[in-house]
Amino acid sequence: MKEQVTMAAKGAREGKGIRIAIVASEYNYDITWLMLERAKEEIAFLGASLGPVVKTPGVYDMPLAVKALFRRPDVDAAVALGAVIEGETQHDEVVMQQAARKLTDLSVELGKPIGLGISGPGETRLQAQDRIENAGNAVRAVVKMVERLREIG
């Protein structure tokens, strides 16, 4: 019990002073809604602040929303949440590759971390449901990166 209290106290300090925006895909929303809720929980647990939450039609549309959010001085980082489920064509691969590449480019260009909480491509709906925790992992990653970037100066 004492270990849980200590971990919770540590978590609550880790994200202090960090404001995180979330961009979530409406496509496969039965999964991404759960990812969104998980990300919010992790932000609160780490003691960070929840910034704007923007819902995009799909994963492919996320870079434009992230770019707009990263131009705001009150946003330190963003988390992208989505589930790119395999279809009958290679569309899922194109969507994921292009979105991930552009999100990475924006992070480097604008100097703010983005957590890639997007699962896929090539996954089934069941596999996507099993990866909902990736939202929490993405939040933890951006908190660490904001801290590391602040240390570098």
N, C-alpha and C. Protein backbone atom coordinates (compact mmCIF):
# COMPACT_ATOMS: atom_id res chain seq x y z
N MET A 1 0.82 -1.20 0.00
CA MET A 1 0.00 0.00 0.00
C MET A 1 0.87 1.26 0.00
N LYS A 2 1.91 1.26 0.83
CA LYS A 2 2.80 2.42 0.91
C LYS A 2 3.47 2.66 -0.45
N GLU A 3 3.84 1.59 -1.15
CA GLU A 3 4.48 1.71 -2.47
C GLU A 3 3.54 2.38 -3.47
N GLN A 4 2.24 2.05 -3.42
CA GLN A 4 1.27 2.67 -4.32
C GLN A 4 1.14 4.16 -4.04
N VAL A 5 1.13 4.54 -2.77
CA VAL A 5 1.03 5.95 -2.40
C VAL A 5 2.27 6.70 -2.89
N THR A 6 3.44 6.10 -2.69
CA THR A 6 4.69 6.72 -3.14
C THR A 6 4.70 6.88 -4.65
N MET A 7 4.27 5.86 -5.38
CA MET A 7 4.22 5.94 -6.85
C MET A 7 3.24 7.03 -7.29
N ALA A 8 2.10 7.12 -6.63
CA ALA A 8 1.11 8.14 -6.99
C ALA A 8 1.66 9.53 -6.73
N ALA A 9 2.35 9.70 -5.60
CA ALA A 9 2.93 11.01 -5.30
C ALA A 9 4.00 11.38 -6.32
N LYS A 10 4.84 10.41 -6.69
CA LYS A 10 5.87 10.66 -7.70
C LYS A 10 5.23 11.02 -9.03
N GLY A 11 4.21 10.27 -9.43
CA GLY A 11 3.53 10.53 -10.68
C GLY A 11 2.93 11.92 -10.72
N ALA A 12 2.35 12.34 -9.62
CA ALA A 12 1.69 13.65 -9.57
C ALA A 12 2.68 14.80 -9.71
N ARG A 13 3.95 14.58 -9.36
CA ARG A 13 4.96 15.63 -9.52
C ARG A 13 5.59 15.61 -10.90
N GLU A 14 5.64 14.47 -11.51
CA GLU A 14 6.37 14.30 -12.76
C GLU A 14 5.90 15.25 -13.86
N GLY A 15 4.62 15.46 -13.98
CA GLY A 15 4.10 16.27 -15.07
C GLY A 15 3.76 17.70 -14.71
N LYS A 16 4.10 18.11 -13.50
CA LYS A 16 3.73 19.45 -13.04
C LYS A 16 4.28 20.52 -13.98
N GLY A 17 3.40 21.45 -14.36
CA GLY A 17 3.80 22.55 -15.23
C GLY A 17 3.81 22.21 -16.71
N ILE A 18 3.30 21.04 -17.06
CA ILE A 18 3.27 20.62 -18.46
C ILE A 18 1.82 20.57 -18.93
N ARG A 19 1.54 21.24 -20.03
CA ARG A 19 0.18 21.27 -20.59
C ARG A 19 0.17 20.45 -21.88
N ILE A 20 -0.68 19.43 -21.90
CA ILE A 20 -0.73 18.47 -23.00
C ILE A 20 -2.06 18.55 -23.73
N ALA A 21 -1.98 18.77 -25.03
CA ALA A 21 -3.18 18.73 -25.88
C ALA A 21 -3.36 17.30 -26.39
N ILE A 22 -4.58 16.98 -26.73
CA ILE A 22 -4.87 15.65 -27.29
C ILE A 22 -5.58 15.83 -28.62
N VAL A 23 -5.12 15.04 -29.60
CA VAL A 23 -5.80 14.97 -30.90
C VAL A 23 -6.25 13.52 -31.06
N ALA A 24 -7.55 13.33 -31.19
CA ALA A 24 -8.11 11.98 -31.27
C ALA A 24 -8.93 11.81 -32.54
N SER A 25 -8.74 10.68 -33.18
CA SER A 25 -9.48 10.36 -34.39
C SER A 25 -10.90 9.92 -34.06
N GLU A 26 -11.85 10.42 -34.83
CA GLU A 26 -13.24 9.97 -34.67
C GLU A 26 -13.48 8.64 -35.38
N TYR A 27 -12.60 8.30 -36.29
CA TYR A 27 -12.73 7.02 -37.00
C TYR A 27 -12.40 5.91 -36.00
N ASN A 28 -13.19 4.87 -35.97
CA ASN A 28 -13.07 3.79 -34.97
C ASN A 28 -13.24 4.36 -33.55
N TYR A 29 -14.20 5.25 -33.41
CA TYR A 29 -14.36 6.00 -32.16
C TYR A 29 -14.70 5.12 -30.97
N ASP A 30 -15.24 3.94 -31.19
CA ASP A 30 -15.48 3.04 -30.06
C ASP A 30 -14.17 2.68 -29.37
N ILE A 31 -13.09 2.69 -30.11
CA ILE A 31 -11.77 2.40 -29.55
C ILE A 31 -11.07 3.70 -29.14
N THR A 32 -11.11 4.70 -30.00
CA THR A 32 -10.36 5.93 -29.71
C THR A 32 -10.97 6.70 -28.53
N TRP A 33 -12.26 6.55 -28.29
CA TRP A 33 -12.86 7.20 -27.13
C TRP A 33 -12.26 6.63 -25.85
N LEU A 34 -12.06 5.31 -25.81
CA LEU A 34 -11.44 4.68 -24.64
C LEU A 34 -9.98 5.13 -24.51
N MET A 35 -9.31 5.30 -25.65
CA MET A 35 -7.94 5.80 -25.62
C MET A 35 -7.91 7.23 -25.07
N LEU A 36 -8.86 8.03 -25.49
CA LEU A 36 -8.94 9.41 -25.02
C LEU A 36 -9.12 9.46 -23.50
N GLU A 37 -10.02 8.64 -23.00
CA GLU A 37 -10.25 8.61 -21.55
C GLU A 37 -9.00 8.13 -20.81
N ARG A 38 -8.32 7.15 -21.37
CA ARG A 38 -7.09 6.63 -20.75
C ARG A 38 -6.01 7.70 -20.72
N ALA A 39 -5.87 8.47 -21.80
CA ALA A 39 -4.88 9.55 -21.86
C ALA A 39 -5.20 10.61 -20.82
N LYS A 40 -6.46 10.98 -20.69
CA LYS A 40 -6.85 11.98 -19.68
C LYS A 40 -6.50 11.51 -18.27
N GLU A 41 -6.74 10.23 -18.00
CA GLU A 41 -6.41 9.66 -16.69
C GLU A 41 -4.92 9.77 -16.42
N GLU A 42 -4.12 9.46 -17.42
CA GLU A 42 -2.66 9.48 -17.24
C GLU A 42 -2.14 10.90 -17.06
N ILE A 43 -2.71 11.84 -17.78
CA ILE A 43 -2.34 13.25 -17.62
C ILE A 43 -2.61 13.69 -16.19
N ALA A 44 -3.77 13.35 -15.67
CA ALA A 44 -4.11 13.71 -14.29
C ALA A 44 -3.20 13.01 -13.30
N PHE A 45 -2.94 11.73 -13.52
CA PHE A 45 -2.07 10.95 -12.62
C PHE A 45 -0.68 11.56 -12.54
N LEU A 46 -0.16 12.03 -13.67
CA LEU A 46 1.19 12.58 -13.70
C LEU A 46 1.25 14.03 -13.20
N GLY A 47 0.08 14.62 -12.95
CA GLY A 47 0.06 15.99 -12.45
C GLY A 47 0.21 17.03 -13.54
N ALA A 48 0.09 16.62 -14.78
CA ALA A 48 0.15 17.55 -15.90
C ALA A 48 -1.23 18.19 -16.07
N SER A 49 -1.32 19.17 -16.97
CA SER A 49 -2.60 19.83 -17.26
C SER A 49 -3.10 19.38 -18.61
N LEU A 50 -4.39 19.17 -18.70
CA LEU A 50 -5.02 18.84 -19.97
C LEU A 50 -5.25 20.11 -20.76
N GLY A 51 -4.69 20.16 -21.94
CA GLY A 51 -4.91 21.28 -22.84
C GLY A 51 -6.11 21.02 -23.72
N PRO A 52 -6.18 21.66 -24.87
CA PRO A 52 -7.31 21.46 -25.77
C PRO A 52 -7.39 20.00 -26.25
N VAL A 53 -8.60 19.54 -26.45
CA VAL A 53 -8.84 18.21 -27.04
C VAL A 53 -9.51 18.46 -28.38
N VAL A 54 -8.87 17.98 -29.44
CA VAL A 54 -9.38 18.18 -30.79
C VAL A 54 -9.68 16.81 -31.39
N LYS A 55 -10.87 16.67 -31.94
CA LYS A 55 -11.24 15.42 -32.61
C LYS A 55 -11.17 15.65 -34.11
N THR A 56 -10.43 14.78 -34.80
CA THR A 56 -10.31 14.87 -36.25
C THR A 56 -11.11 13.73 -36.88
N PRO A 57 -11.50 13.88 -38.14
CA PRO A 57 -12.25 12.80 -38.79
C PRO A 57 -11.50 11.48 -38.79
N GLY A 58 -10.19 11.54 -39.02
CA GLY A 58 -9.38 10.33 -39.06
C GLY A 58 -7.94 10.63 -38.69
N VAL A 59 -7.12 9.59 -38.68
CA VAL A 59 -5.71 9.73 -38.36
C VAL A 59 -4.99 10.58 -39.39
N TYR A 60 -5.35 10.43 -40.64
CA TYR A 60 -4.70 11.18 -41.73
C TYR A 60 -4.85 12.69 -41.55
N ASP A 61 -5.90 13.11 -40.87
CA ASP A 61 -6.20 14.53 -40.68
C ASP A 61 -5.49 15.15 -39.47
N MET A 62 -4.83 14.36 -38.69
CA MET A 62 -4.24 14.84 -37.44
C MET A 62 -3.12 15.88 -37.58
N PRO A 63 -2.22 15.74 -38.54
CA PRO A 63 -1.11 16.70 -38.60
C PRO A 63 -1.54 18.17 -38.66
N LEU A 64 -2.59 18.48 -39.37
CA LEU A 64 -3.05 19.86 -39.46
C LEU A 64 -3.51 20.38 -38.09
N ALA A 65 -4.23 19.55 -37.35
CA ALA A 65 -4.68 19.94 -36.01
C ALA A 65 -3.49 20.10 -35.07
N VAL A 66 -2.54 19.20 -35.15
CA VAL A 66 -1.35 19.28 -34.29
C VAL A 66 -0.56 20.55 -34.60
N LYS A 67 -0.43 20.88 -35.87
CA LYS A 67 0.31 22.09 -36.24
C LYS A 67 -0.34 23.33 -35.63
N ALA A 68 -1.66 23.40 -35.69
CA ALA A 68 -2.37 24.54 -35.11
C ALA A 68 -2.18 24.58 -33.59
N LEU A 69 -2.23 23.43 -32.94
CA LEU A 69 -2.05 23.36 -31.49
C LEU A 69 -0.63 23.74 -31.09
N PHE A 70 0.35 23.31 -31.86
CA PHE A 70 1.75 23.58 -31.53
C PHE A 70 2.11 25.06 -31.69
N ARG A 71 1.30 25.79 -32.41
CA ARG A 71 1.53 27.23 -32.55
C ARG A 71 1.05 28.00 -31.32
N ARG A 72 0.29 27.33 -30.47
CA ARG A 72 -0.21 27.97 -29.25
C ARG A 72 0.86 27.93 -28.17
N PRO A 73 1.11 29.05 -27.53
CA PRO A 73 2.14 29.06 -26.48
C PRO A 73 1.74 28.29 -25.22
N ASP A 74 0.45 28.02 -25.04
CA ASP A 74 -0.01 27.32 -23.84
C ASP A 74 -0.04 25.80 -24.02
N VAL A 75 0.50 25.29 -25.12
CA VAL A 75 0.57 23.85 -25.36
C VAL A 75 2.04 23.44 -25.39
N ASP A 76 2.44 22.57 -24.46
CA ASP A 76 3.82 22.10 -24.39
C ASP A 76 4.06 20.85 -25.21
N ALA A 77 3.02 20.05 -25.40
CA ALA A 77 3.14 18.77 -26.09
C ALA A 77 1.75 18.34 -26.53
N ALA A 78 1.73 17.32 -27.39
CA ALA A 78 0.44 16.76 -27.83
C ALA A 78 0.54 15.25 -27.87
N VAL A 79 -0.61 14.62 -27.78
CA VAL A 79 -0.73 13.18 -27.91
C VAL A 79 -1.73 12.91 -29.03
N ALA A 80 -1.32 12.10 -29.99
CA ALA A 80 -2.19 11.71 -31.10
C ALA A 80 -2.75 10.31 -30.82
N LEU A 81 -4.07 10.18 -30.87
CA LEU A 81 -4.73 8.92 -30.55
C LEU A 81 -5.57 8.43 -31.71
N GLY A 82 -5.36 7.19 -32.11
CA GLY A 82 -6.14 6.63 -33.19
C GLY A 82 -5.91 5.14 -33.31
N ALA A 83 -6.74 4.51 -34.11
CA ALA A 83 -6.62 3.08 -34.38
C ALA A 83 -6.77 2.88 -35.89
N VAL A 84 -5.69 2.45 -36.52
CA VAL A 84 -5.70 2.24 -37.97
C VAL A 84 -5.82 0.74 -38.20
N ILE A 85 -7.05 0.32 -38.49
CA ILE A 85 -7.37 -1.10 -38.61
C ILE A 85 -7.25 -1.56 -40.06
N GLU A 86 -6.74 -2.76 -40.22
CA GLU A 86 -6.50 -3.31 -41.55
C GLU A 86 -7.80 -3.50 -42.31
N GLY A 87 -7.77 -3.10 -43.58
CA GLY A 87 -8.92 -3.32 -44.46
C GLY A 87 -8.54 -4.29 -45.57
N GLU A 88 -9.28 -4.23 -46.66
CA GLU A 88 -9.04 -5.14 -47.77
C GLU A 88 -7.94 -4.66 -48.70
N THR A 89 -7.55 -3.40 -48.57
CA THR A 89 -6.48 -2.84 -49.39
C THR A 89 -5.33 -2.40 -48.48
N GLN A 90 -4.35 -1.72 -49.03
CA GLN A 90 -3.22 -1.24 -48.24
C GLN A 90 -3.44 0.20 -47.74
N HIS A 91 -4.68 0.64 -47.78
CA HIS A 91 -5.01 2.00 -47.36
C HIS A 91 -4.54 2.28 -45.93
N ASP A 92 -4.68 1.30 -45.04
CA ASP A 92 -4.26 1.49 -43.65
C ASP A 92 -2.77 1.78 -43.54
N GLU A 93 -1.97 1.15 -44.38
CA GLU A 93 -0.52 1.38 -44.37
C GLU A 93 -0.19 2.79 -44.84
N VAL A 94 -0.86 3.23 -45.89
CA VAL A 94 -0.62 4.58 -46.42
C VAL A 94 -1.00 5.63 -45.37
N VAL A 95 -2.17 5.47 -44.77
CA VAL A 95 -2.65 6.42 -43.76
C VAL A 95 -1.64 6.51 -42.60
N MET A 96 -1.25 5.37 -42.08
CA MET A 96 -0.37 5.36 -40.92
C MET A 96 1.01 5.92 -41.24
N GLN A 97 1.58 5.50 -42.36
CA GLN A 97 2.92 5.97 -42.73
C GLN A 97 2.95 7.48 -42.93
N GLN A 98 1.98 8.00 -43.65
CA GLN A 98 1.96 9.44 -43.93
C GLN A 98 1.70 10.26 -42.68
N ALA A 99 0.74 9.82 -41.88
CA ALA A 99 0.41 10.57 -40.66
C ALA A 99 1.58 10.55 -39.67
N ALA A 100 2.16 9.38 -39.46
CA ALA A 100 3.27 9.27 -38.51
C ALA A 100 4.46 10.11 -38.97
N ARG A 101 4.74 10.08 -40.25
CA ARG A 101 5.86 10.86 -40.78
C ARG A 101 5.64 12.36 -40.59
N LYS A 102 4.45 12.82 -40.92
CA LYS A 102 4.18 14.25 -40.80
C LYS A 102 4.13 14.69 -39.34
N LEU A 103 3.59 13.88 -38.47
CA LEU A 103 3.57 14.21 -37.04
C LEU A 103 5.00 14.34 -36.50
N THR A 104 5.87 13.44 -36.92
CA THR A 104 7.27 13.51 -36.52
C THR A 104 7.92 14.78 -37.05
N ASP A 105 7.67 15.10 -38.31
CA ASP A 105 8.21 16.32 -38.91
C ASP A 105 7.78 17.56 -38.13
N LEU A 106 6.50 17.61 -37.76
CA LEU A 106 5.98 18.76 -37.01
C LEU A 106 6.64 18.88 -35.64
N SER A 107 6.83 17.76 -34.98
CA SER A 107 7.47 17.77 -33.67
C SER A 107 8.87 18.36 -33.76
N VAL A 108 9.64 17.90 -34.73
CA VAL A 108 11.01 18.39 -34.90
C VAL A 108 11.01 19.85 -35.34
N GLU A 109 10.16 20.18 -36.29
CA GLU A 109 10.11 21.55 -36.83
C GLU A 109 9.71 22.57 -35.77
N LEU A 110 8.71 22.24 -34.96
CA LEU A 110 8.18 23.21 -34.00
C LEU A 110 8.71 23.02 -32.58
N GLY A 111 9.54 22.01 -32.38
CA GLY A 111 10.22 21.83 -31.10
C GLY A 111 9.34 21.40 -29.94
N LYS A 112 8.26 20.72 -30.23
CA LYS A 112 7.38 20.23 -29.17
C LYS A 112 7.13 18.74 -29.38
N PRO A 113 7.17 17.96 -28.30
CA PRO A 113 6.98 16.51 -28.42
C PRO A 113 5.55 16.12 -28.78
N ILE A 114 5.45 15.05 -29.53
CA ILE A 114 4.14 14.46 -29.80
C ILE A 114 4.20 12.98 -29.47
N GLY A 115 3.25 12.53 -28.69
CA GLY A 115 3.16 11.12 -28.34
C GLY A 115 2.35 10.38 -29.39
N LEU A 116 2.93 9.35 -29.94
CA LEU A 116 2.26 8.58 -30.98
C LEU A 116 1.45 7.46 -30.33
N GLY A 117 0.21 7.78 -29.99
CA GLY A 117 -0.70 6.81 -29.40
C GLY A 117 -1.64 6.26 -30.46
N ILE A 118 -1.09 6.00 -31.62
CA ILE A 118 -1.89 5.47 -32.74
C ILE A 118 -1.45 4.03 -32.95
N SER A 119 -2.40 3.12 -32.89
CA SER A 119 -2.07 1.72 -33.12
C SER A 119 -2.37 1.37 -34.57
N GLY A 120 -1.64 0.40 -35.09
CA GLY A 120 -1.78 -0.01 -36.47
C GLY A 120 -0.53 0.37 -37.23
N PRO A 121 -0.49 0.11 -38.51
CA PRO A 121 -1.50 -0.52 -39.36
C PRO A 121 -1.45 -2.05 -39.24
N GLY A 122 -2.31 -2.67 -39.98
CA GLY A 122 -2.32 -4.12 -40.08
C GLY A 122 -2.92 -4.83 -38.87
N GLU A 123 -3.65 -4.11 -38.05
CA GLU A 123 -4.22 -4.75 -36.88
C GLU A 123 -5.72 -5.00 -37.06
N THR A 124 -6.21 -5.96 -36.30
CA THR A 124 -7.64 -6.23 -36.29
C THR A 124 -8.29 -5.34 -35.25
N ARG A 125 -9.60 -5.29 -35.24
CA ARG A 125 -10.32 -4.51 -34.23
C ARG A 125 -9.99 -5.03 -32.82
N LEU A 126 -9.89 -6.34 -32.68
CA LEU A 126 -9.56 -6.94 -31.39
C LEU A 126 -8.16 -6.53 -30.93
N GLN A 127 -7.21 -6.52 -31.86
CA GLN A 127 -5.86 -6.09 -31.52
C GLN A 127 -5.84 -4.61 -31.14
N ALA A 128 -6.64 -3.81 -31.82
CA ALA A 128 -6.72 -2.38 -31.49
C ALA A 128 -7.26 -2.20 -30.07
N GLN A 129 -8.25 -2.98 -29.69
CA GLN A 129 -8.80 -2.89 -28.34
C GLN A 129 -7.75 -3.27 -27.29
N ASP A 130 -6.91 -4.24 -27.64
CA ASP A 130 -5.84 -4.66 -26.72
C ASP A 130 -4.76 -3.59 -26.56
N ARG A 131 -4.73 -2.62 -27.45
CA ARG A 131 -3.68 -1.60 -27.43
C ARG A 131 -4.16 -0.24 -26.92
N ILE A 132 -5.29 -0.21 -26.27
CA ILE A 132 -5.83 1.05 -25.73
C ILE A 132 -4.85 1.68 -24.75
N GLU A 133 -4.11 0.87 -24.02
CA GLU A 133 -3.12 1.38 -23.05
C GLU A 133 -2.03 2.21 -23.72
N ASN A 134 -1.86 2.07 -25.03
CA ASN A 134 -0.86 2.88 -25.73
C ASN A 134 -1.10 4.37 -25.50
N ALA A 135 -2.31 4.75 -25.21
CA ALA A 135 -2.61 6.15 -24.92
C ALA A 135 -1.86 6.62 -23.68
N GLY A 136 -1.84 5.81 -22.65
CA GLY A 136 -1.09 6.14 -21.44
C GLY A 136 0.40 6.18 -21.70
N ASN A 137 0.89 5.25 -22.52
CA ASN A 137 2.31 5.23 -22.87
C ASN A 137 2.69 6.51 -23.60
N ALA A 138 1.84 6.98 -24.50
CA ALA A 138 2.12 8.19 -25.27
C ALA A 138 2.18 9.42 -24.36
N VAL A 139 1.31 9.47 -23.36
CA VAL A 139 1.32 10.59 -22.41
C VAL A 139 2.62 10.56 -21.61
N ARG A 140 3.00 9.40 -21.11
CA ARG A 140 4.25 9.31 -20.33
C ARG A 140 5.45 9.72 -21.17
N ALA A 141 5.45 9.36 -22.44
CA ALA A 141 6.57 9.71 -23.33
C ALA A 141 6.69 11.21 -23.51
N VAL A 142 5.57 11.91 -23.73
CA VAL A 142 5.68 13.36 -23.95
C VAL A 142 6.06 14.09 -22.67
N VAL A 143 5.60 13.61 -21.53
CA VAL A 143 5.99 14.24 -20.27
C VAL A 143 7.51 14.13 -20.10
N LYS A 144 8.06 12.95 -20.35
CA LYS A 144 9.50 12.76 -20.25
C LYS A 144 10.25 13.64 -21.24
N MET A 145 9.75 13.74 -22.46
CA MET A 145 10.43 14.55 -23.47
C MET A 145 10.39 16.04 -23.14
N VAL A 146 9.27 16.52 -22.62
CA VAL A 146 9.20 17.94 -22.24
C VAL A 146 10.23 18.19 -21.13
N GLU A 147 10.30 17.29 -20.17
CA GLU A 147 11.27 17.45 -19.09
C GLU A 147 12.69 17.44 -19.62
N ARG A 148 13.00 16.51 -20.53
CA ARG A 148 14.36 16.41 -21.08
C ARG A 148 14.71 17.66 -21.89
N LEU A 149 13.77 18.14 -22.67
CA LEU A 149 14.02 19.35 -23.45
C LEU A 149 14.24 20.57 -22.55
N ARG A 150 13.53 20.63 -21.46
CA ARG A 150 13.72 21.74 -20.51
C ARG A 150 15.11 21.64 -19.84
N GLU A 151 15.56 20.42 -19.59
CA GLU A 151 16.90 20.24 -19.01
C GLU A 151 17.98 20.71 -19.98
N ILE A 152 17.79 20.44 -21.25
CA ILE A 152 18.77 20.82 -22.27
C ILE A 152 18.84 22.34 -22.38
N GLY A 153 17.65 22.97 -22.23
CA GLY A 153 17.59 24.42 -22.24
C GLY A 153 17.29 24.93 -23.56
